Amino acid sequence: MAKSGAMRSTGNARISVAAAAPTKLDRLIHERLRLGILSALAVNDRLTFNELKKLMETTDGNLSVHARKLEDAEYVTCTKSFEGRIPRTDYTLTSSGRKALEKYLDHMESLIKAMRREK
């Protein structure tokens, strides 16, 4: 987060929200659909492409692009197979993906706590 982050007034002093959480936000995870994919995989051992598409209420192309970004970051793995003649794509969360998601959630929690303290 930049130094020009949100400012809050507390009496005579102004406190930067960015100062409360100096760690940079993981922009890869912060995007809504990618956060949704990681969150869904965090509570499921594996999900198929079609399950994720339905859960995220998105298109094939949109899911494919965002899932690929998570694959490239090694946050998820993609396994392709066939059920009979029908292709099947399964996604699982990697240990580094779980760690990144936990770090992201911790960061967001610290921002929320800092904002609530400033009220």
PDB file of N, CA and C in Angstrom:
ATOM      1  N   MET A   1       0.845  -1.175   0.000  1.00  0.00           N
ATOM      2  CA  MET A   1       0.000   0.000   0.000  1.00  0.00           C
ATOM      3  C   MET A   1       0.891   1.238   0.000  1.00  0.00           C
ATOM      4  N   ALA A   2       0.547   2.223  -0.743  1.00  0.00           N
ATOM      5  CA  ALA A   2       1.346   3.436  -0.865  1.00  0.00           C
ATOM      6  C   ALA A   2       1.223   4.291   0.382  1.00  0.00           C
ATOM      7  N   LYS A   3       2.200   5.165   0.559  1.00  0.00           N
ATOM      8  CA  LYS A   3       2.168   6.073   1.701  1.00  0.00           C
ATOM      9  C   LYS A   3       0.985   7.008   1.641  1.00  0.00           C
ATOM     10  N   SER A   4       0.464   7.236   0.450  1.00  0.00           N
ATOM     11  CA  SER A   4      -0.675   8.132   0.322  1.00  0.00           C
ATOM     12  C   SER A   4      -1.984   7.406   0.599  1.00  0.00           C
ATOM     13  N   GLY A   5      -1.935   6.350   1.441  1.00  0.00           N
ATOM     14  CA  GLY A   5      -3.132   5.577   1.786  1.00  0.00           C
ATOM     15  C   GLY A   5      -4.145   6.437   2.512  1.00  0.00           C
ATOM     16  N   ALA A   6      -5.259   5.840   2.868  1.00  0.00           N
ATOM     17  CA  ALA A   6      -6.355   6.551   3.524  1.00  0.00           C
ATOM     18  C   ALA A   6      -5.873   7.186   4.817  1.00  0.00           C
ATOM     19  N   MET A   7      -6.386   8.344   5.080  1.00  0.00           N
ATOM     20  CA  MET A   7      -6.037   9.047   6.310  1.00  0.00           C
ATOM     21  C   MET A   7      -7.295   9.164   7.158  1.00  0.00           C
ATOM     22  N   ARG A   8      -7.135   9.034   8.450  1.00  0.00           N
ATOM     23  CA  ARG A   8      -8.235   9.163   9.385  1.00  0.00           C
ATOM     24  C   ARG A   8      -7.874  10.228  10.400  1.00  0.00           C
ATOM     25  N   SER A   9      -8.833  11.017  10.793  1.00  0.00           N
ATOM     26  CA  SER A   9      -8.626  12.021  11.830  1.00  0.00           C
ATOM     27  C   SER A   9      -8.977  11.434  13.183  1.00  0.00           C
ATOM     28  N   THR A  10      -8.118  11.621  14.146  1.00  0.00           N
ATOM     29  CA  THR A  10      -8.408  11.234  15.528  1.00  0.00           C
ATOM     30  C   THR A  10      -8.011  12.424  16.388  1.00  0.00           C
ATOM     31  N   GLY A  11      -8.961  13.290  16.614  1.00  0.00           N
ATOM     32  CA  GLY A  11      -8.665  14.511  17.358  1.00  0.00           C
ATOM     33  C   GLY A  11      -7.765  15.400  16.518  1.00  0.00           C
ATOM     34  N   ASN A  12      -6.590  15.757  17.058  1.00  0.00           N
ATOM     35  CA  ASN A  12      -5.647  16.607  16.337  1.00  0.00           C
ATOM     36  C   ASN A  12      -4.692  15.817  15.454  1.00  0.00           C
ATOM     37  N   ALA A  13      -4.604  14.511  15.652  1.00  0.00           N
ATOM     38  CA  ALA A  13      -3.639  13.696  14.899  1.00  0.00           C
ATOM     39  C   ALA A  13      -4.308  13.018  13.712  1.00  0.00           C
ATOM     40  N   ARG A  14      -3.541  12.892  12.627  1.00  0.00           N
ATOM     41  CA  ARG A  14      -4.021  12.154  11.450  1.00  0.00           C
ATOM     42  C   ARG A  14      -3.166  10.892  11.342  1.00  0.00           C
ATOM     43  N   ILE A  15      -3.828   9.748  11.209  1.00  0.00           N
ATOM     44  CA  ILE A  15      -3.135   8.466  11.159  1.00  0.00           C
ATOM     45  C   ILE A  15      -3.342   7.843   9.789  1.00  0.00           C
ATOM     46  N   SER A  16      -2.281   7.376   9.193  1.00  0.00           N
ATOM     47  CA  SER A  16      -2.368   6.698   7.911  1.00  0.00           C
ATOM     48  C   SER A  16      -2.727   5.236   8.146  1.00  0.00           C
ATOM     49  N   VAL A  17      -3.752   4.764   7.434  1.00  0.00           N
ATOM     50  CA  VAL A  17      -4.130   3.354   7.522  1.00  0.00           C
ATOM     51  C   VAL A  17      -2.988   2.499   7.016  1.00  0.00           C
ATOM     52  N   ALA A  18      -2.246   2.977   6.034  1.00  0.00           N
ATOM     53  CA  ALA A  18      -1.113   2.229   5.491  1.00  0.00           C
ATOM     54  C   ALA A  18      -0.066   1.989   6.570  1.00  0.00           C
ATOM     55  N   ALA A  19       0.076   2.916   7.507  1.00  0.00           N
ATOM     56  CA  ALA A  19       1.051   2.753   8.572  1.00  0.00           C
ATOM     57  C   ALA A  19       0.674   1.606   9.496  1.00  0.00           C
ATOM     58  N   ALA A  20      -0.610   1.305   9.592  1.00  0.00           N
ATOM     59  CA  ALA A  20      -1.063   0.226  10.457  1.00  0.00           C
ATOM     60  C   ALA A  20      -0.703  -1.138   9.890  1.00  0.00           C
ATOM     61  N   ALA A  21      -0.567  -1.238   8.576  1.00  0.00           N
ATOM     62  CA  ALA A  21      -0.240  -2.509   7.933  1.00  0.00           C
ATOM     63  C   ALA A  21       0.751  -2.248   6.802  1.00  0.00           C
ATOM     64  N   PRO A  22       2.047  -2.168   7.132  1.00  0.00           N
ATOM     65  CA  PRO A  22       3.046  -1.791   6.147  1.00  0.00           C
ATOM     66  C   PRO A  22       3.288  -2.840   5.055  1.00  0.00           C
ATOM     67  N   THR A  23       2.875  -4.087   5.268  1.00  0.00           N
ATOM     68  CA  THR A  23       3.066  -5.131   4.273  1.00  0.00           C
ATOM     69  C   THR A  23       2.224  -4.842   3.037  1.00  0.00           C
ATOM     70  N   LYS A  24       2.791  -5.113   1.869  1.00  0.00           N
ATOM     71  CA  LYS A  24       2.046  -4.884   0.629  1.00  0.00           C
ATOM     72  C   LYS A  24       0.960  -5.931   0.464  1.00  0.00           C
ATOM     73  N   LEU A  25      -0.144  -5.495  -0.071  1.00  0.00           N
ATOM     74  CA  LEU A  25      -1.275  -6.355  -0.371  1.00  0.00           C
ATOM     75  C   LEU A  25      -0.931  -7.226  -1.580  1.00  0.00           C
ATOM     76  N   ASP A  26      -1.256  -8.503  -1.526  1.00  0.00           N
ATOM     77  CA  ASP A  26      -1.020  -9.405  -2.647  1.00  0.00           C
ATOM     78  C   ASP A  26      -2.053  -9.110  -3.724  1.00  0.00           C
ATOM     79  N   ARG A  27      -1.661  -8.334  -4.737  1.00  0.00           N
ATOM     80  CA  ARG A  27      -2.584  -7.911  -5.798  1.00  0.00           C
ATOM     81  C   ARG A  27      -3.112  -9.102  -6.589  1.00  0.00           C
ATOM     82  N   LEU A  28      -2.347 -10.174  -6.673  1.00  0.00           N
ATOM     83  CA  LEU A  28      -2.801 -11.361  -7.398  1.00  0.00           C
ATOM     84  C   LEU A  28      -4.034 -11.949  -6.724  1.00  0.00           C
ATOM     85  N   ILE A  29      -4.015 -12.040  -5.421  1.00  0.00           N
ATOM     86  CA  ILE A  29      -5.138 -12.607  -4.672  1.00  0.00           C
ATOM     87  C   ILE A  29      -6.262 -11.596  -4.508  1.00  0.00           C
ATOM     88  N   HIS A  30      -5.944 -10.330  -4.465  1.00  0.00           N
ATOM     89  CA  HIS A  30      -6.936  -9.298  -4.159  1.00  0.00           C
ATOM     90  C   HIS A  30      -8.052  -9.200  -5.198  1.00  0.00           C
ATOM     91  N   GLU A  31      -7.814  -9.643  -6.417  1.00  0.00           N
ATOM     92  CA  GLU A  31      -8.848  -9.617  -7.461  1.00  0.00           C
ATOM     93  C   GLU A  31      -9.977 -10.554  -7.049  1.00  0.00           C
ATOM     94  N   ARG A  32     -11.216 -10.106  -7.182  1.00  0.00           N
ATOM     95  CA  ARG A  32     -12.395 -10.807  -6.680  1.00  0.00           C
ATOM     96  C   ARG A  32     -12.491 -12.271  -7.109  1.00  0.00           C
ATOM     97  N   LEU A  33     -12.342 -12.554  -8.377  1.00  0.00           N
ATOM     98  CA  LEU A  33     -12.510 -13.920  -8.863  1.00  0.00           C
ATOM     99  C   LEU A  33     -11.384 -14.830  -8.375  1.00  0.00           C
ATOM    100  N   ARG A  34     -10.157 -14.327  -8.364  1.00  0.00           N
ATOM    101  CA  ARG A  34      -9.038 -15.150  -7.885  1.00  0.00           C
ATOM    102  C   ARG A  34      -9.158 -15.415  -6.385  1.00  0.00           C
ATOM    103  N   LEU A  35      -9.599 -14.426  -5.623  1.00  0.00           N
ATOM    104  CA  LEU A  35      -9.835 -14.639  -4.195  1.00  0.00           C
ATOM    105  C   LEU A  35     -10.932 -15.688  -4.008  1.00  0.00           C
ATOM    106  N   GLY A  36     -11.961 -15.634  -4.823  1.00  0.00           N
ATOM    107  CA  GLY A  36     -13.038 -16.617  -4.755  1.00  0.00           C
ATOM    108  C   GLY A  36     -12.556 -18.020  -5.065  1.00  0.00           C
ATOM    109  N   ILE A  37     -11.726 -18.156  -6.088  1.00  0.00           N
ATOM    110  CA  ILE A  37     -11.184 -19.470  -6.464  1.00  0.00           C
ATOM    111  C   ILE A  37     -10.362 -20.037  -5.315  1.00  0.00           C
ATOM    112  N   LEU A  38      -9.451 -19.238  -4.778  1.00  0.00           N
ATOM    113  CA  LEU A  38      -8.602 -19.709  -3.677  1.00  0.00           C
ATOM    114  C   LEU A  38      -9.432 -20.059  -2.446  1.00  0.00           C
ATOM    115  N   SER A  39     -10.418 -19.243  -2.139  1.00  0.00           N
ATOM    116  CA  SER A  39     -11.273 -19.501  -0.975  1.00  0.00           C
ATOM    117  C   SER A  39     -12.060 -20.794  -1.143  1.00  0.00           C
ATOM    118  N   ALA A  40     -12.596 -21.009  -2.333  1.00  0.00           N
ATOM    119  CA  ALA A  40     -13.359 -22.233  -2.602  1.00  0.00           C
ATOM    120  C   ALA A  40     -12.462 -23.461  -2.495  1.00  0.00           C
ATOM    121  N   LEU A  41     -11.246 -23.348  -3.018  1.00  0.00           N
ATOM    122  CA  LEU A  41     -10.323 -24.485  -2.950  1.00  0.00           C
ATOM    123  C   LEU A  41      -9.785 -24.708  -1.536  1.00  0.00           C
ATOM    124  N   ALA A  42      -9.784 -23.670  -0.722  1.00  0.00           N
ATOM    125  CA  ALA A  42      -9.305 -23.803   0.658  1.00  0.00           C
ATOM    126  C   ALA A  42     -10.244 -24.678   1.497  1.00  0.00           C
ATOM    127  N   VAL A  43     -11.506 -24.741   1.114  1.00  0.00           N
ATOM    128  CA  VAL A  43     -12.478 -25.523   1.881  1.00  0.00           C
ATOM    129  C   VAL A  43     -12.925 -26.793   1.144  1.00  0.00           C
ATOM    130  N   ASN A  44     -12.342 -27.045  -0.023  1.00  0.00           N
ATOM    131  CA  ASN A  44     -12.618 -28.250  -0.795  1.00  0.00           C
ATOM    132  C   ASN A  44     -11.291 -28.864  -1.227  1.00  0.00           C
ATOM    133  N   ASP A  45     -11.185 -30.170  -1.149  1.00  0.00           N
ATOM    134  CA  ASP A  45      -9.938 -30.822  -1.556  1.00  0.00           C
ATOM    135  C   ASP A  45      -9.610 -30.546  -3.013  1.00  0.00           C
ATOM    136  N   ARG A  46     -10.634 -30.569  -3.853  1.00  0.00           N
ATOM    137  CA  ARG A  46     -10.464 -30.304  -5.281  1.00  0.00           C
ATOM    138  C   ARG A  46     -11.801 -29.903  -5.862  1.00  0.00           C
ATOM    139  N   LEU A  47     -11.768 -29.090  -6.888  1.00  0.00           N
ATOM    140  CA  LEU A  47     -12.981 -28.695  -7.605  1.00  0.00           C
ATOM    141  C   LEU A  47     -12.711 -28.777  -9.096  1.00  0.00           C
ATOM    142  N   THR A  48     -13.719 -29.164  -9.853  1.00  0.00           N
ATOM    143  CA  THR A  48     -13.577 -29.207 -11.300  1.00  0.00           C
ATOM    144  C   THR A  48     -13.765 -27.799 -11.861  1.00  0.00           C
ATOM    145  N   PHE A  49     -13.359 -27.644 -13.108  1.00  0.00           N
ATOM    146  CA  PHE A  49     -13.537 -26.376 -13.804  1.00  0.00           C
ATOM    147  C   PHE A  49     -15.009 -25.987 -13.793  1.00  0.00           C
ATOM    148  N   ASN A  50     -15.882 -26.939 -14.105  1.00  0.00           N
ATOM    149  CA  ASN A  50     -17.319 -26.636 -14.156  1.00  0.00           C
ATOM    150  C   ASN A  50     -17.889 -26.293 -12.791  1.00  0.00           C
ATOM    151  N   GLU A  51     -17.401 -26.949 -11.739  1.00  0.00           N
ATOM    152  CA  GLU A  51     -17.859 -26.610 -10.384  1.00  0.00           C
ATOM    153  C   GLU A  51     -17.439 -25.193 -10.019  1.00  0.00           C
ATOM    154  N   LEU A  52     -16.192 -24.847 -10.322  1.00  0.00           N
ATOM    155  CA  LEU A  52     -15.717 -23.489 -10.046  1.00  0.00           C
ATOM    156  C   LEU A  52     -16.481 -22.455 -10.864  1.00  0.00           C
ATOM    157  N   LYS A  53     -16.721 -22.770 -12.128  1.00  0.00           N
ATOM    158  CA  LYS A  53     -17.447 -21.840 -12.996  1.00  0.00           C
ATOM    159  C   LYS A  53     -18.842 -21.559 -12.441  1.00  0.00           C
ATOM    160  N   LYS A  54     -19.517 -22.608 -12.004  1.00  0.00           N
ATOM    161  CA  LYS A  54     -20.862 -22.443 -11.440  1.00  0.00           C
ATOM    162  C   LYS A  54     -20.805 -21.674 -10.116  1.00  0.00           C
ATOM    163  N   LEU A  55     -19.871 -22.046  -9.269  1.00  0.00           N
ATOM    164  CA  LEU A  55     -19.714 -21.407  -7.966  1.00  0.00           C
ATOM    165  C   LEU A  55     -19.377 -19.920  -8.095  1.00  0.00           C
ATOM    166  N   MET A  56     -18.508 -19.583  -9.026  1.00  0.00           N
ATOM    167  CA  MET A  56     -18.073 -18.201  -9.211  1.00  0.00           C
ATOM    168  C   MET A  56     -19.021 -17.407 -10.111  1.00  0.00           C
ATOM    169  N   GLU A  57     -19.975 -18.103 -10.728  1.00  0.00           N
ATOM    170  CA  GLU A  57     -20.930 -17.467 -11.642  1.00  0.00           C
ATOM    171  C   GLU A  57     -20.196 -16.639 -12.695  1.00  0.00           C
ATOM    172  N   THR A  58     -19.318 -17.316 -13.441  1.00  0.00           N
ATOM    173  CA  THR A  58     -18.519 -16.639 -14.452  1.00  0.00           C
ATOM    174  C   THR A  58     -18.492 -17.444 -15.741  1.00  0.00           C
ATOM    175  N   THR A  59     -17.815 -16.919 -16.731  1.00  0.00           N
ATOM    176  CA  THR A  59     -17.720 -17.582 -18.030  1.00  0.00           C
ATOM    177  C   THR A  59     -16.496 -18.489 -18.094  1.00  0.00           C
ATOM    178  N   ASP A  60     -16.479 -19.370 -19.085  1.00  0.00           N
ATOM    179  CA  ASP A  60     -15.327 -20.249 -19.300  1.00  0.00           C
ATOM    180  C   ASP A  60     -14.039 -19.436 -19.453  1.00  0.00           C
ATOM    181  N   GLY A  61     -14.096 -18.438 -20.336  1.00  0.00           N
ATOM    182  CA  GLY A  61     -12.903 -17.641 -20.621  1.00  0.00           C
ATOM    183  C   GLY A  61     -12.393 -16.881 -19.417  1.00  0.00           C
ATOM    184  N   ASN A  62     -13.292 -16.280 -18.661  1.00  0.00           N
ATOM    185  CA  ASN A  62     -12.904 -15.512 -17.482  1.00  0.00           C
ATOM    186  C   ASN A  62     -12.270 -16.424 -16.434  1.00  0.00           C
ATOM    187  N   LEU A  63     -12.894 -17.555 -16.167  1.00  0.00           N
ATOM    188  CA  LEU A  63     -12.341 -18.488 -15.187  1.00  0.00           C
ATOM    189  C   LEU A  63     -10.990 -19.005 -15.654  1.00  0.00           C
ATOM    190  N   SER A  64     -10.886 -19.334 -16.916  1.00  0.00           N
ATOM    191  CA  SER A  64      -9.647 -19.871 -17.467  1.00  0.00           C
ATOM    192  C   SER A  64      -8.483 -18.892 -17.293  1.00  0.00           C
ATOM    193  N   VAL A  65      -8.710 -17.627 -17.589  1.00  0.00           N
ATOM    194  CA  VAL A  65      -7.667 -16.604 -17.469  1.00  0.00           C
ATOM    195  C   VAL A  65      -7.210 -16.458 -16.017  1.00  0.00           C
ATOM    196  N   HIS A  66      -8.160 -16.372 -15.101  1.00  0.00           N
ATOM    197  CA  HIS A  66      -7.802 -16.169 -13.690  1.00  0.00           C
ATOM    198  C   HIS A  66      -7.182 -17.420 -13.071  1.00  0.00           C
ATOM    199  N   ALA A  67      -7.673 -18.581 -13.445  1.00  0.00           N
ATOM    200  CA  ALA A  67      -7.091 -19.826 -12.933  1.00  0.00           C
ATOM    201  C   ALA A  67      -5.658 -19.977 -13.432  1.00  0.00           C
ATOM    202  N   ARG A  68      -5.414 -19.573 -14.666  1.00  0.00           N
ATOM    203  CA  ARG A  68      -4.049 -19.662 -15.220  1.00  0.00           C
ATOM    204  C   ARG A  68      -3.087 -18.767 -14.451  1.00  0.00           C
ATOM    205  N   LYS A  69      -3.527 -17.581 -14.065  1.00  0.00           N
ATOM    206  CA  LYS A  69      -2.680 -16.676 -13.284  1.00  0.00           C
ATOM    207  C   LYS A  69      -2.323 -17.312 -11.938  1.00  0.00           C
ATOM    208  N   LEU A  70      -3.296 -17.976 -11.337  1.00  0.00           N
ATOM    209  CA  LEU A  70      -3.037 -18.649 -10.058  1.00  0.00           C
ATOM    210  C   LEU A  70      -2.112 -19.851 -10.249  1.00  0.00           C
ATOM    211  N   GLU A  71      -2.254 -20.539 -11.372  1.00  0.00           N
ATOM    212  CA  GLU A  71      -1.347 -21.645 -11.707  1.00  0.00           C
ATOM    213  C   GLU A  71       0.074 -21.129 -11.890  1.00  0.00           C
ATOM    214  N   ASP A  72       0.214 -20.047 -12.660  1.00  0.00           N
ATOM    215  CA  ASP A  72       1.537 -19.472 -12.914  1.00  0.00           C
ATOM    216  C   ASP A  72       2.236 -19.060 -11.628  1.00  0.00           C
ATOM    217  N   ALA A  73       1.462 -18.617 -10.653  1.00  0.00           N
ATOM    218  CA  ALA A  73       2.011 -18.222  -9.346  1.00  0.00           C
ATOM    219  C   ALA A  73       2.235 -19.436  -8.444  1.00  0.00           C
ATOM    220  N   GLU A  74       1.843 -20.610  -8.933  1.00  0.00           N
ATOM    221  CA  GLU A  74       1.938 -21.870  -8.182  1.00  0.00           C
ATOM    222  C   GLU A  74       1.075 -21.867  -6.923  1.00  0.00           C
ATOM    223  N   TYR A  75      -0.063 -21.154  -7.001  1.00  0.00           N
ATOM    224  CA  TYR A  75      -1.038 -21.150  -5.910  1.00  0.00           C
ATOM    225  C   TYR A  75      -2.036 -22.285  -6.080  1.00  0.00           C
ATOM    226  N   VAL A  76      -2.258 -22.724  -7.306  1.00  0.00           N
ATOM    227  CA  VAL A  76      -3.143 -23.860  -7.584  1.00  0.00           C
ATOM    228  C   VAL A  76      -2.477 -24.786  -8.594  1.00  0.00           C
ATOM    229  N   THR A  77      -2.906 -26.046  -8.571  1.00  0.00           N
ATOM    230  CA  THR A  77      -2.475 -26.986  -9.608  1.00  0.00           C
ATOM    231  C   THR A  77      -3.693 -27.372 -10.426  1.00  0.00           C
ATOM    232  N   CYS A  78      -3.438 -27.662 -11.665  1.00  0.00           N
ATOM    233  CA  CYS A  78      -4.482 -28.038 -12.608  1.00  0.00           C
ATOM    234  C   CYS A  78      -4.143 -29.418 -13.151  1.00  0.00           C
ATOM    235  N   THR A  79      -5.101 -30.334 -13.055  1.00  0.00           N
ATOM    236  CA  THR A  79      -4.917 -31.685 -13.573  1.00  0.00           C
ATOM    237  C   THR A  79      -5.989 -31.951 -14.609  1.00  0.00           C
ATOM    238  N   LYS A  80      -5.557 -32.334 -15.800  1.00  0.00           N
ATOM    239  CA  LYS A  80      -6.500 -32.622 -16.881  1.00  0.00           C
ATOM    240  C   LYS A  80      -6.565 -34.124 -17.098  1.00  0.00           C
ATOM    241  N   SER A  81      -7.793 -34.622 -17.265  1.00  0.00           N
ATOM    242  CA  SER A  81      -8.004 -36.042 -17.496  1.00  0.00           C
ATOM    243  C   SER A  81      -9.269 -36.217 -18.328  1.00  0.00           C
ATOM    244  N   PHE A  82      -9.671 -37.448 -18.511  1.00  0.00           N
ATOM    245  CA  PHE A  82     -10.906 -37.740 -19.239  1.00  0.00           C
ATOM    246  C   PHE A  82     -11.769 -38.660 -18.395  1.00  0.00           C
ATOM    247  N   GLU A  83     -13.061 -38.417 -18.435  1.00  0.00           N
ATOM    248  CA  GLU A  83     -14.052 -39.337 -17.877  1.00  0.00           C
ATOM    249  C   GLU A  83     -14.778 -39.889 -19.090  1.00  0.00           C
ATOM    250  N   GLY A  84     -14.376 -41.094 -19.506  1.00  0.00           N
ATOM    251  CA  GLY A  84     -14.866 -41.603 -20.777  1.00  0.00           C
ATOM    252  C   GLY A  84     -14.255 -40.751 -21.864  1.00  0.00           C
ATOM    253  N   ARG A  85     -15.093 -40.099 -22.641  1.00  0.00           N
ATOM    254  CA  ARG A  85     -14.595 -39.208 -23.703  1.00  0.00           C
ATOM    255  C   ARG A  85     -14.717 -37.740 -23.333  1.00  0.00           C
ATOM    256  N   ILE A  86     -15.155 -37.471 -22.125  1.00  0.00           N
ATOM    257  CA  ILE A  86     -15.388 -36.091 -21.696  1.00  0.00           C
ATOM    258  C   ILE A  86     -14.169 -35.571 -20.929  1.00  0.00           C
ATOM    259  N   PRO A  87     -13.602 -34.433 -21.384  1.00  0.00           N
ATOM    260  CA  PRO A  87     -12.457 -33.861 -20.658  1.00  0.00           C
ATOM    261  C   PRO A  87     -12.870 -33.367 -19.277  1.00  0.00           C
ATOM    262  N   ARG A  88     -11.953 -33.498 -18.329  1.00  0.00           N
ATOM    263  CA  ARG A  88     -12.189 -33.059 -16.951  1.00  0.00           C
ATOM    264  C   ARG A  88     -10.945 -32.310 -16.481  1.00  0.00           C
ATOM    265  N   THR A  89     -11.179 -31.128 -15.923  1.00  0.00           N
ATOM    266  CA  THR A  89     -10.093 -30.318 -15.374  1.00  0.00           C
ATOM    267  C   THR A  89     -10.359 -30.131 -13.893  1.00  0.00           C
ATOM    268  N   ASP A  90      -9.407 -30.566 -13.076  1.00  0.00           N
ATOM    269  CA  ASP A  90      -9.512 -30.438 -11.621  1.00  0.00           C
ATOM    270  C   ASP A  90      -8.488 -29.439 -11.117  1.00  0.00           C
ATOM    271  N   TYR A  91      -8.900 -28.653 -10.125  1.00  0.00           N
ATOM    272  CA  TYR A  91      -8.011 -27.690  -9.491  1.00  0.00           C
ATOM    273  C   TYR A  91      -7.866 -28.029  -8.016  1.00  0.00           C
ATOM    274  N   THR A  92      -6.645 -27.874  -7.512  1.00  0.00           N
ATOM    275  CA  THR A  92      -6.374 -28.037  -6.082  1.00  0.00           C
ATOM    276  C   THR A  92      -5.500 -26.874  -5.619  1.00  0.00           C
ATOM    277  N   LEU A  93      -5.618 -26.561  -4.354  1.00  0.00           N
ATOM    278  CA  LEU A  93      -4.821 -25.500  -3.744  1.00  0.00           C
ATOM    279  C   LEU A  93      -3.471 -26.081  -3.335  1.00  0.00           C
ATOM    280  N   THR A  94      -2.395 -25.402  -3.659  1.00  0.00           N
ATOM    281  CA  THR A  94      -1.063 -25.851  -3.252  1.00  0.00           C
ATOM    282  C   THR A  94      -0.758 -25.345  -1.841  1.00  0.00           C
ATOM    283  N   SER A  95       0.286 -25.868  -1.240  1.00  0.00           N
ATOM    284  CA  SER A  95       0.657 -25.387   0.100  1.00  0.00           C
ATOM    285  C   SER A  95       1.088 -23.917   0.039  1.00  0.00           C
ATOM    286  N   SER A  96       1.774 -23.518  -1.038  1.00  0.00           N
ATOM    287  CA  SER A  96       2.154 -22.100  -1.148  1.00  0.00           C
ATOM    288  C   SER A  96       0.920 -21.227  -1.398  1.00  0.00           C
ATOM    289  N   GLY A  97      -0.083 -21.763  -2.079  1.00  0.00           N
ATOM    290  CA  GLY A  97      -1.333 -21.039  -2.277  1.00  0.00           C
ATOM    291  C   GLY A  97      -2.074 -20.846  -0.968  1.00  0.00           C
ATOM    292  N   ARG A  98      -2.083 -21.888  -0.148  1.00  0.00           N
ATOM    293  CA  ARG A  98      -2.738 -21.792   1.171  1.00  0.00           C
ATOM    294  C   ARG A  98      -2.025 -20.761   2.039  1.00  0.00           C
ATOM    295  N   LYS A  99      -0.691 -20.792   2.036  1.00  0.00           N
ATOM    296  CA  LYS A  99       0.084 -19.826   2.820  1.00  0.00           C
ATOM    297  C   LYS A  99      -0.171 -18.399   2.340  1.00  0.00           C
ATOM    298  N   ALA A 100      -0.203 -18.210   1.020  1.00  0.00           N
ATOM    299  CA  ALA A 100      -0.446 -16.874   0.464  1.00  0.00           C
ATOM    300  C   ALA A 100      -1.842 -16.386   0.832  1.00  0.00           C
ATOM    301  N   LEU A 101      -2.831 -17.279   0.774  1.00  0.00           N
ATOM    302  CA  LEU A 101      -4.196 -16.906   1.146  1.00  0.00           C
ATOM    303  C   LEU A 101      -4.268 -16.546   2.624  1.00  0.00           C
ATOM    304  N   GLU A 102      -3.631 -17.328   3.483  1.00  0.00           N
ATOM    305  CA  GLU A 102      -3.629 -17.032   4.915  1.00  0.00           C
ATOM    306  C   GLU A 102      -2.949 -15.693   5.199  1.00  0.00           C
ATOM    307  N   LYS A 103      -1.847 -15.424   4.515  1.00  0.00           N
ATOM    308  CA  LYS A 103      -1.143 -14.152   4.690  1.00  0.00           C
ATOM    309  C   LYS A 103      -2.035 -12.989   4.238  1.00  0.00           C
ATOM    310  N   TYR A 104      -2.711 -13.170   3.109  1.00  0.00           N
ATOM    311  CA  TYR A 104      -3.624 -12.153   2.597  1.00  0.00           C
ATOM    312  C   TYR A 104      -4.752 -11.891   3.600  1.00  0.00           C
ATOM    313  N   LEU A 105      -5.352 -12.956   4.109  1.00  0.00           N
ATOM    314  CA  LEU A 105      -6.451 -12.801   5.072  1.00  0.00           C
ATOM    315  C   LEU A 105      -5.978 -12.135   6.359  1.00  0.00           C
ATOM    316  N   ASP A 106      -4.787 -12.504   6.830  1.00  0.00           N
ATOM    317  CA  ASP A 106      -4.215 -11.853   8.016  1.00  0.00           C
ATOM    318  C   ASP A 106      -4.030 -10.360   7.774  1.00  0.00           C
ATOM    319  N   HIS A 107      -3.542 -10.027   6.587  1.00  0.00           N
ATOM    320  CA  HIS A 107      -3.333  -8.621   6.234  1.00  0.00           C
ATOM    321  C   HIS A 107      -4.665  -7.870   6.243  1.00  0.00           C
ATOM    322  N   MET A 108      -5.683  -8.463   5.624  1.00  0.00           N
ATOM    323  CA  MET A 108      -6.996  -7.805   5.580  1.00  0.00           C
ATOM    324  C   MET A 108      -7.571  -7.648   6.988  1.00  0.00           C
ATOM    325  N   GLU A 109      -7.403  -8.675   7.829  1.00  0.00           N
ATOM    326  CA  GLU A 109      -7.879  -8.579   9.216  1.00  0.00           C
ATOM    327  C   GLU A 109      -7.177  -7.450   9.958  1.00  0.00           C
ATOM    328  N   SER A 110      -5.872  -7.296   9.740  1.00  0.00           N
ATOM    329  CA  SER A 110      -5.150  -6.225  10.440  1.00  0.00           C
ATOM    330  C   SER A 110      -5.617  -4.853   9.959  1.00  0.00           C
ATOM    331  N   LEU A 111      -5.930  -4.730   8.676  1.00  0.00           N
ATOM    332  CA  LEU A 111      -6.462  -3.466   8.170  1.00  0.00           C
ATOM    333  C   LEU A 111      -7.826  -3.156   8.782  1.00  0.00           C
ATOM    334  N   ILE A 112      -8.663  -4.162   8.863  1.00  0.00           N
ATOM    335  CA  ILE A 112     -10.003  -3.985   9.443  1.00  0.00           C
ATOM    336  C   ILE A 112      -9.886  -3.579  10.913  1.00  0.00           C
ATOM    337  N   LYS A 113      -9.015  -4.268  11.660  1.00  0.00           N
ATOM    338  CA  LYS A 113      -8.836  -3.931  13.073  1.00  0.00           C
ATOM    339  C   LYS A 113      -8.313  -2.517  13.236  1.00  0.00           C
ATOM    340  N   ALA A 114      -7.379  -2.109  12.370  1.00  0.00           N
ATOM    341  CA  ALA A 114      -6.817  -0.755  12.460  1.00  0.00           C
ATOM    342  C   ALA A 114      -7.897   0.289  12.182  1.00  0.00           C
ATOM    343  N   MET A 115      -8.744   0.014  11.213  1.00  0.00           N
ATOM    344  CA  MET A 115      -9.821   0.958  10.894  1.00  0.00           C
ATOM    345  C   MET A 115     -10.816   1.055  12.046  1.00  0.00           C
ATOM    346  N   ARG A 116     -11.134  -0.053  12.658  1.00  0.00           N
ATOM    347  CA  ARG A 116     -12.083  -0.036  13.779  1.00  0.00           C
ATOM    348  C   ARG A 116     -11.514   0.676  14.994  1.00  0.00           C
ATOM    349  N   ARG A 117     -10.207   0.551  15.228  1.00  0.00           N
ATOM    350  CA  ARG A 117      -9.579   1.248  16.353  1.00  0.00           C
ATOM    351  C   ARG A 117      -9.602   2.753  16.149  1.00  0.00           C
ATOM    352  N   GLU A 118      -9.583   3.190  14.902  1.00  0.00           N
ATOM    353  CA  GLU A 118      -9.525   4.615  14.607  1.00  0.00           C
ATOM    354  C   GLU A 118     -10.867   5.300  14.695  1.00  0.00           C
ATOM    355  N   LYS A 119     -11.947   4.580  14.851  1.00  0.00           N
ATOM    356  CA  LYS A 119     -13.284   5.195  14.924  1.00  0.00           C
ATOM    357  C   LYS A 119     -13.432   6.044  16.143  1.00  0.00           C
TER     358      LYS A 119
END
